[in-house]
Amino acid sequence: ALRELQRKSLLEFLQKTGTDDFGIFLLETAIHHGNNVRDIMKSTGLKVWDPRPSATAAWKLAASLVVKAVKQQKALQSNKVNQRTAVVQWVHSVVLGMIDEAVDRSKGHGKRLQLAALHARL
């Protein structure tokens, strides 16, 4: 996403120079976030639009508020997932405890089960 000034400058530079020079210029533009193009245009006398500091501050504040809200939403969502996981683990442990208790209580009833199986076949 380039501003109009950077886009026009890059296209003009591509038309008037070789691809190697254009590659270097494009790399510098990416590194400096387009500010090198603005400085070049100011030195040539072209009018360059610079946002007011208050507008820049407002954009930065809005971006930070959005990032903060997204982080809060992610934290809430992960808390909900953690709570659900804890409930599932608790239910799992309760069911396993009930199964263990049932097995412990039914240890003496093995003969009855064998007799019931024999009667079921008849």
Foldseek 3Di string as FASTA:
>chain_A
DDDPQLVVVLVVCPVPDPPVVSVVVVVVCVVVVNVVSVVVCVVVPHDDDDDDPVVVVVVVVVVVVVVVVVVVVVVVVVVVVVVVVVVVVVVVVVVVVVVVVVCVVCPVVPVVVVVVVVVVVD
